[in-house]
Amino acid sequence: MFANATRHADRYFTILVGSGSENAARLGLAVSRKAAPRAVDRNRLKRLIRESFRAHRDKMSAVDAVVMVRPIACHTENATLMIA
């Protein structure tokens, strides 16, 4: 499915976007222990990503997106990570 995915990356995240098979956008998360060693940090990052996705879901077409976290995101403030 993601063999033909488009990759978008910045300092904190890498996002793979593929064509969706459903009528709405779907989100997948990949927050590894290598990127965020403590469970509290992994859970915080997942909550932030989900909240940002929910806020922008109505503006998105039917795509499947997988968000992968980079290690620097673990030490970054929430306000910096949230998409405006």
Protein backbone atom coordinates (compact mmCIF):
# COMPACT_ATOMS: atom_id res chain seq x y z
CA MET A 1 0.00 0.00 0.00
CA PHE A 2 2.77 2.44 0.86
CA ALA A 3 5.05 1.31 -1.92
CA ASN A 4 3.92 4.39 -3.88
CA ALA A 5 3.46 6.66 -0.87
CA THR A 6 4.58 10.25 -0.86
CA ARG A 7 7.05 11.10 1.89
CA HIS A 8 7.00 14.43 3.69
CA ALA A 9 9.54 15.18 6.39
CA ASP A 10 10.58 17.95 8.71
CA ARG A 11 12.72 18.19 11.79
CA TYR A 12 10.30 16.33 14.06
CA PHE A 13 8.23 13.95 11.93
CA THR A 14 8.20 11.92 8.73
CA ILE A 15 4.79 11.39 7.16
CA LEU A 16 3.98 8.79 4.52
CA VAL A 17 0.81 9.57 2.58
CA GLY A 18 -0.88 7.05 0.33
CA SER A 19 -4.19 6.92 -1.46
CA GLY A 20 -6.97 5.96 0.88
CA SER A 21 -9.32 3.05 0.42
CA GLU A 22 -11.98 4.47 2.74
CA ASN A 23 -14.13 7.59 2.42
CA ALA A 24 -12.25 9.46 5.14
CA ALA A 25 -8.64 10.10 6.05
CA ARG A 26 -6.98 7.52 8.31
CA LEU A 27 -4.00 7.86 10.61
CA GLY A 28 -1.27 5.42 11.57
CA LEU A 29 1.40 6.09 14.20
CA ALA A 30 4.96 4.82 14.54
CA VAL A 31 6.51 6.07 17.77
CA SER A 32 9.45 3.82 18.56
CA ARG A 33 11.32 3.37 21.80
CA LYS A 34 14.42 4.55 20.02
CA ALA A 35 12.75 7.88 19.24
CA ALA A 36 11.14 8.26 22.68
CA PRO A 37 12.59 5.92 25.33
CA ARG A 38 10.07 6.74 28.06
CA ALA A 39 6.47 5.56 27.72
CA VAL A 40 5.19 8.90 28.99
CA ASP A 41 6.92 10.66 26.08
CA ARG A 42 5.63 8.17 23.50
CA ASN A 43 2.09 8.60 24.80
CA ARG A 44 2.38 12.42 24.82
CA LEU A 45 3.57 12.43 21.22
CA LYS A 46 0.77 10.11 20.13
CA ARG A 47 -1.84 12.29 21.84
CA LEU A 48 -0.49 15.41 20.12
CA ILE A 49 -0.42 13.77 16.70
CA ARG A 50 -3.96 12.42 17.08
CA GLU A 51 -5.28 15.79 18.24
CA SER A 52 -3.67 17.58 15.31
CA PHE A 53 -5.09 14.97 12.93
CA ARG A 54 -8.59 15.39 14.37
CA ALA A 55 -8.37 19.16 14.00
CA HIS A 56 -7.44 18.90 10.31
CA ARG A 57 -9.32 15.76 9.26
CA ASP A 58 -12.26 17.60 7.71
CA LYS A 59 -9.89 19.47 5.35
CA MET A 60 -8.19 16.27 4.17
CA SER A 61 -9.20 14.05 1.29
CA ALA A 62 -9.47 10.27 1.65
CA VAL A 63 -5.83 9.44 2.34
CA ASP A 64 -3.96 7.04 4.57
CA ALA A 65 -1.18 8.70 6.55
CA VAL A 66 1.49 7.15 8.74
CA VAL A 67 3.37 9.51 11.05
CA MET A 68 6.84 8.47 12.22
CA VAL A 69 8.48 10.39 15.04
CA ARG A 70 12.10 11.52 15.11
CA PRO A 71 14.08 11.54 18.38
CA ILE A 72 14.25 15.34 18.63
CA ALA A 73 10.43 15.49 19.00
CA CYS A 74 10.74 13.83 22.40
CA HIS A 75 12.51 16.89 23.82
CA THR A 76 10.38 19.54 22.09
CA GLU A 77 7.53 21.51 23.66
CA ASN A 78 3.94 20.71 22.73
CA ALA A 79 3.26 24.14 21.23
CA THR A 80 6.15 23.73 18.81
CA LEU A 81 4.95 20.31 17.66
CA MET A 82 1.30 21.24 17.11
CA ILE A 83 0.40 22.21 13.55
CA ALA A 84 -1.29 25.60 13.39
